[in-house]
N, C-alpha and C. Protein backbone atom coordinates (compact mmCIF):
# COMPACT_ATOMS: atom_id res chain seq x y z
N MET A 1 -10.77 -44.57 66.41
CA MET A 1 -10.48 -43.30 65.81
C MET A 1 -11.21 -42.23 66.47
N GLN A 2 -10.57 -41.16 66.74
CA GLN A 2 -11.29 -40.04 67.40
C GLN A 2 -11.94 -39.16 66.32
N ASN A 3 -13.21 -38.68 66.65
CA ASN A 3 -13.95 -37.80 65.80
C ASN A 3 -13.85 -36.43 66.48
N VAL A 4 -14.01 -35.41 65.67
CA VAL A 4 -14.10 -34.09 66.13
C VAL A 4 -15.35 -33.41 65.63
N ILE A 5 -16.14 -32.80 66.45
CA ILE A 5 -17.37 -32.06 66.02
C ILE A 5 -17.26 -30.69 66.63
N ARG A 6 -17.65 -29.66 65.83
CA ARG A 6 -17.73 -28.27 66.32
C ARG A 6 -19.11 -27.89 66.11
N THR A 7 -19.74 -27.20 67.05
CA THR A 7 -21.16 -26.79 66.91
C THR A 7 -21.28 -25.46 67.66
N ALA A 8 -22.27 -24.64 67.11
CA ALA A 8 -22.63 -23.47 67.91
C ALA A 8 -24.06 -23.62 68.51
N ASP A 9 -24.56 -24.84 68.31
CA ASP A 9 -25.98 -25.28 68.81
C ASP A 9 -25.81 -25.66 70.27
N VAL A 10 -26.21 -24.83 71.25
CA VAL A 10 -26.05 -25.23 72.60
C VAL A 10 -26.85 -26.51 72.98
N TRP A 11 -28.02 -26.76 72.36
CA TRP A 11 -28.91 -27.93 72.73
C TRP A 11 -28.12 -29.14 72.18
N GLU A 12 -27.55 -29.01 70.91
CA GLU A 12 -26.76 -30.16 70.50
C GLU A 12 -25.63 -30.55 71.39
N ALA A 13 -24.86 -29.40 71.72
CA ALA A 13 -23.66 -29.58 72.60
C ALA A 13 -24.21 -30.16 73.97
N ALA A 14 -25.29 -29.72 74.48
CA ALA A 14 -25.74 -30.28 75.87
C ALA A 14 -26.15 -31.77 75.69
N PHE A 15 -26.69 -32.18 74.54
CA PHE A 15 -27.01 -33.60 74.30
C PHE A 15 -25.83 -34.44 74.23
N ILE A 16 -24.79 -33.89 73.44
CA ILE A 16 -23.57 -34.67 73.32
C ILE A 16 -22.83 -34.83 74.61
N GLN A 17 -22.78 -33.68 75.35
CA GLN A 17 -22.06 -33.73 76.69
C GLN A 17 -22.86 -34.72 77.64
N SER A 18 -24.11 -34.60 77.56
CA SER A 18 -24.95 -35.47 78.47
C SER A 18 -24.73 -36.99 78.20
N GLN A 19 -24.22 -37.30 77.08
CA GLN A 19 -23.99 -38.64 76.69
C GLN A 19 -22.49 -39.10 76.95
N GLY A 20 -21.85 -38.26 77.68
CA GLY A 20 -20.45 -38.53 78.16
C GLY A 20 -19.33 -37.90 77.46
N ALA A 21 -19.54 -37.24 76.31
CA ALA A 21 -18.40 -36.62 75.57
C ALA A 21 -17.91 -35.38 76.27
N LYS A 22 -16.67 -35.18 76.28
CA LYS A 22 -16.00 -34.16 76.91
C LYS A 22 -15.76 -32.89 75.93
N ILE A 23 -15.96 -31.74 76.42
CA ILE A 23 -15.77 -30.48 75.59
C ILE A 23 -14.25 -30.26 75.61
N GLU A 24 -13.68 -30.11 74.34
CA GLU A 24 -12.32 -29.85 74.16
C GLU A 24 -12.01 -28.32 74.21
N SER A 25 -12.84 -27.60 73.78
CA SER A 25 -12.79 -26.06 73.76
C SER A 25 -13.95 -25.37 73.44
N ILE A 26 -14.07 -24.12 73.81
CA ILE A 26 -15.07 -23.19 73.40
C ILE A 26 -14.40 -21.97 72.81
N ASP A 27 -14.48 -21.72 71.59
CA ASP A 27 -13.89 -20.63 70.87
C ASP A 27 -14.91 -19.57 70.41
N CYS A 28 -14.58 -18.33 70.66
CA CYS A 28 -15.52 -17.24 70.23
C CYS A 28 -14.94 -16.46 69.13
N LEU A 29 -15.80 -15.91 68.32
CA LEU A 29 -15.33 -14.98 67.22
C LEU A 29 -16.38 -13.93 66.99
N ALA A 30 -15.93 -12.80 66.48
CA ALA A 30 -16.84 -11.73 66.19
C ALA A 30 -17.73 -12.13 64.94
N LEU A 31 -19.04 -11.85 65.01
CA LEU A 31 -19.90 -12.16 64.00
C LEU A 31 -21.09 -11.32 63.88
N ASN A 32 -21.28 -10.58 62.82
CA ASN A 32 -22.43 -9.64 62.65
C ASN A 32 -22.66 -8.69 63.81
N GLY A 33 -21.53 -8.05 64.29
CA GLY A 33 -21.72 -7.13 65.42
C GLY A 33 -21.82 -7.74 66.76
N GLY A 34 -21.79 -9.09 66.79
CA GLY A 34 -21.88 -9.81 68.17
C GLY A 34 -20.74 -10.83 68.27
N VAL A 35 -20.96 -11.67 69.23
CA VAL A 35 -19.97 -12.71 69.42
C VAL A 35 -20.61 -14.08 69.38
N SER A 36 -20.13 -14.99 68.50
CA SER A 36 -20.56 -16.38 68.41
C SER A 36 -19.52 -17.30 68.95
N CYS A 37 -20.01 -18.37 69.66
CA CYS A 37 -19.03 -19.40 70.15
C CYS A 37 -19.31 -20.70 69.59
N GLN A 38 -18.19 -21.38 69.27
CA GLN A 38 -18.31 -22.76 68.85
C GLN A 38 -17.77 -23.73 69.93
N ILE A 39 -18.36 -24.77 70.12
CA ILE A 39 -18.06 -25.76 71.06
C ILE A 39 -17.42 -26.93 70.30
N THR A 40 -16.21 -27.37 70.78
CA THR A 40 -15.58 -28.51 70.14
C THR A 40 -15.55 -29.64 71.05
N PHE A 41 -15.93 -30.87 70.48
CA PHE A 41 -15.84 -32.15 71.20
C PHE A 41 -14.91 -32.96 70.38
N GLN A 42 -14.24 -33.89 71.14
CA GLN A 42 -13.42 -34.92 70.48
C GLN A 42 -13.64 -36.24 71.32
N SER A 43 -14.16 -37.27 70.53
CA SER A 43 -14.56 -38.51 71.17
C SER A 43 -14.67 -39.55 70.02
N GLU A 44 -14.88 -40.79 70.48
CA GLU A 44 -15.02 -41.82 69.46
C GLU A 44 -16.33 -42.02 68.88
N ASN A 45 -17.40 -41.68 69.62
CA ASN A 45 -18.70 -42.01 69.10
C ASN A 45 -19.51 -40.71 68.63
N LEU A 46 -18.81 -39.68 68.37
CA LEU A 46 -19.56 -38.34 68.01
C LEU A 46 -20.46 -38.49 66.88
N THR A 47 -19.99 -39.08 65.82
CA THR A 47 -20.75 -39.16 64.62
C THR A 47 -22.18 -39.85 64.88
N GLU A 48 -22.13 -40.94 65.69
CA GLU A 48 -23.40 -41.71 66.08
C GLU A 48 -24.24 -40.75 66.93
N LEU A 49 -23.61 -40.05 67.88
CA LEU A 49 -24.43 -39.11 68.76
C LEU A 49 -25.07 -37.97 67.93
N GLN A 50 -24.31 -37.49 67.03
CA GLN A 50 -24.81 -36.44 66.17
C GLN A 50 -25.98 -36.93 65.28
N LYS A 51 -25.89 -38.08 64.70
CA LYS A 51 -26.91 -38.65 63.87
C LYS A 51 -28.10 -38.90 64.83
N SER A 52 -27.89 -39.39 66.00
CA SER A 52 -29.02 -39.69 66.95
C SER A 52 -29.72 -38.31 67.25
N TYR A 53 -28.96 -37.29 67.46
CA TYR A 53 -29.54 -35.88 67.95
C TYR A 53 -30.43 -35.39 66.76
N PHE A 54 -29.81 -35.39 65.56
CA PHE A 54 -30.52 -34.77 64.39
C PHE A 54 -31.77 -35.59 63.85
N SER A 55 -31.75 -36.95 64.16
CA SER A 55 -32.91 -37.73 63.78
C SER A 55 -33.99 -37.69 64.83
N GLY A 56 -33.69 -37.19 65.93
CA GLY A 56 -34.72 -37.10 66.97
C GLY A 56 -34.77 -38.48 67.73
N GLN A 57 -33.92 -39.31 67.54
CA GLN A 57 -34.03 -40.60 68.14
C GLN A 57 -33.12 -40.77 69.32
N GLY A 58 -32.42 -39.72 69.79
CA GLY A 58 -31.58 -39.73 70.99
C GLY A 58 -32.33 -39.81 72.19
N TYR A 59 -31.87 -40.69 73.14
CA TYR A 59 -32.48 -40.80 74.48
C TYR A 59 -31.46 -40.06 75.42
N VAL A 60 -32.04 -39.23 76.29
CA VAL A 60 -31.22 -38.59 77.33
C VAL A 60 -32.04 -38.28 78.61
N GLU A 61 -31.36 -38.51 79.71
CA GLU A 61 -32.05 -38.19 81.10
C GLU A 61 -32.18 -36.71 81.11
N ILE A 62 -33.40 -36.25 81.35
CA ILE A 62 -33.69 -34.80 81.27
C ILE A 62 -32.84 -34.02 82.33
N PHE A 63 -32.51 -34.59 83.51
CA PHE A 63 -31.65 -33.71 84.43
C PHE A 63 -30.29 -33.67 83.99
N ALA A 64 -29.75 -34.75 83.32
CA ALA A 64 -28.46 -34.65 82.72
C ALA A 64 -28.31 -33.64 81.58
N LEU A 65 -29.44 -33.56 80.82
CA LEU A 65 -29.46 -32.65 79.69
C LEU A 65 -29.54 -31.18 80.37
N ARG A 66 -30.35 -31.06 81.32
CA ARG A 66 -30.56 -29.68 81.94
C ARG A 66 -29.27 -29.21 82.53
N ARG A 67 -28.49 -30.12 83.30
CA ARG A 67 -27.26 -29.84 83.81
C ARG A 67 -26.18 -29.44 82.81
N ALA A 68 -26.16 -30.16 81.74
CA ALA A 68 -25.18 -29.94 80.67
C ALA A 68 -25.49 -28.70 79.99
N TYR A 69 -26.84 -28.32 79.70
CA TYR A 69 -27.17 -27.08 79.09
C TYR A 69 -26.74 -25.85 80.03
N SER A 70 -26.98 -25.98 81.29
CA SER A 70 -26.65 -24.83 82.14
C SER A 70 -25.17 -24.66 82.30
N GLN A 71 -24.45 -25.77 82.35
CA GLN A 71 -22.98 -25.62 82.39
C GLN A 71 -22.36 -24.99 81.11
N ILE A 72 -22.93 -25.43 79.90
CA ILE A 72 -22.45 -24.88 78.70
C ILE A 72 -22.80 -23.45 78.56
N GLN A 73 -23.97 -23.06 78.92
CA GLN A 73 -24.38 -21.59 78.92
C GLN A 73 -23.43 -20.88 79.82
N SER A 74 -23.08 -21.27 80.87
CA SER A 74 -22.16 -20.62 81.85
C SER A 74 -20.83 -20.39 81.19
N TRP A 75 -20.33 -21.57 80.62
CA TRP A 75 -18.96 -21.55 80.08
C TRP A 75 -19.02 -20.60 78.83
N ILE A 76 -20.03 -20.63 77.95
CA ILE A 76 -20.12 -19.64 76.85
C ILE A 76 -20.10 -18.22 77.33
N ALA A 77 -20.89 -17.91 78.40
CA ALA A 77 -20.82 -16.54 78.92
C ALA A 77 -19.48 -16.12 79.36
N GLU A 78 -18.76 -17.03 80.02
CA GLU A 78 -17.35 -16.72 80.42
C GLU A 78 -16.45 -16.50 79.13
N ALA A 79 -16.57 -17.39 78.16
CA ALA A 79 -15.75 -17.29 76.93
C ALA A 79 -16.07 -15.99 76.24
N LYS A 80 -17.44 -15.57 76.18
CA LYS A 80 -17.73 -14.34 75.52
C LYS A 80 -17.13 -13.20 76.26
N THR A 81 -17.22 -13.10 77.58
CA THR A 81 -16.69 -12.07 78.39
C THR A 81 -15.19 -11.99 78.16
N LYS A 82 -14.47 -13.08 78.12
CA LYS A 82 -12.99 -13.17 77.88
C LYS A 82 -12.74 -12.56 76.50
N HIS A 83 -13.48 -13.03 75.47
CA HIS A 83 -13.27 -12.63 74.12
C HIS A 83 -13.49 -11.13 73.94
N LYS A 84 -14.50 -10.59 74.58
CA LYS A 84 -14.71 -9.09 74.50
C LYS A 84 -13.58 -8.35 75.11
N LYS A 85 -13.17 -8.78 76.29
CA LYS A 85 -11.97 -8.09 76.93
C LYS A 85 -10.74 -8.15 76.06
N GLU A 86 -10.49 -9.28 75.43
CA GLU A 86 -9.30 -9.41 74.59
C GLU A 86 -9.40 -8.49 73.34
N MET A 87 -10.62 -8.41 72.79
CA MET A 87 -10.94 -7.51 71.56
C MET A 87 -10.61 -6.13 71.97
N LYS A 88 -11.21 -5.69 73.18
CA LYS A 88 -11.14 -4.33 73.68
C LYS A 88 -9.60 -4.02 73.90
N ALA A 89 -8.88 -4.92 74.48
CA ALA A 89 -7.40 -4.66 74.75
C ALA A 89 -6.68 -4.52 73.47
N SER A 90 -7.03 -5.47 72.46
CA SER A 90 -6.38 -5.35 71.15
C SER A 90 -6.71 -4.09 70.50
N GLN A 91 -7.88 -3.60 70.53
CA GLN A 91 -8.32 -2.34 69.87
C GLN A 91 -7.51 -1.17 70.54
N SER A 92 -7.43 -1.16 71.89
CA SER A 92 -6.74 0.00 72.55
C SER A 92 -5.26 -0.09 72.19
N ARG A 93 -4.68 -1.19 72.06
CA ARG A 93 -3.19 -1.24 71.62
C ARG A 93 -3.07 -0.68 70.18
N GLU A 94 -4.08 -0.91 69.31
CA GLU A 94 -4.00 -0.40 67.93
C GLU A 94 -4.09 1.14 67.87
N VAL A 95 -4.93 1.64 68.86
CA VAL A 95 -5.22 3.07 68.75
C VAL A 95 -4.01 3.85 69.35
N ARG A 96 -3.31 3.41 70.27
CA ARG A 96 -2.12 4.14 70.90
C ARG A 96 -1.05 4.43 69.87
N PRO A 97 -0.53 5.58 69.81
CA PRO A 97 0.59 5.88 68.97
C PRO A 97 1.88 5.28 69.41
């Protein structure tokens, strides 16, 4: 059975990705005057990975974690830029008569 986990925690996402799970999507939304992104994973062992992460018992190779963290940060920056452009375009369509 496939599990789905959504998180805004970049370190949690990096841990999960470094364990082999694939990111399904990164979705952004306006929040408190800024933009927040949630990362969605879908895989079979996500619940176990999440338990391992939050209990502090997870093992990860540091270079794999660093690589995953950097990738995710880059993808989040791209997603935020895209979201802001879409919001700006949406607002300009609303203003025009």
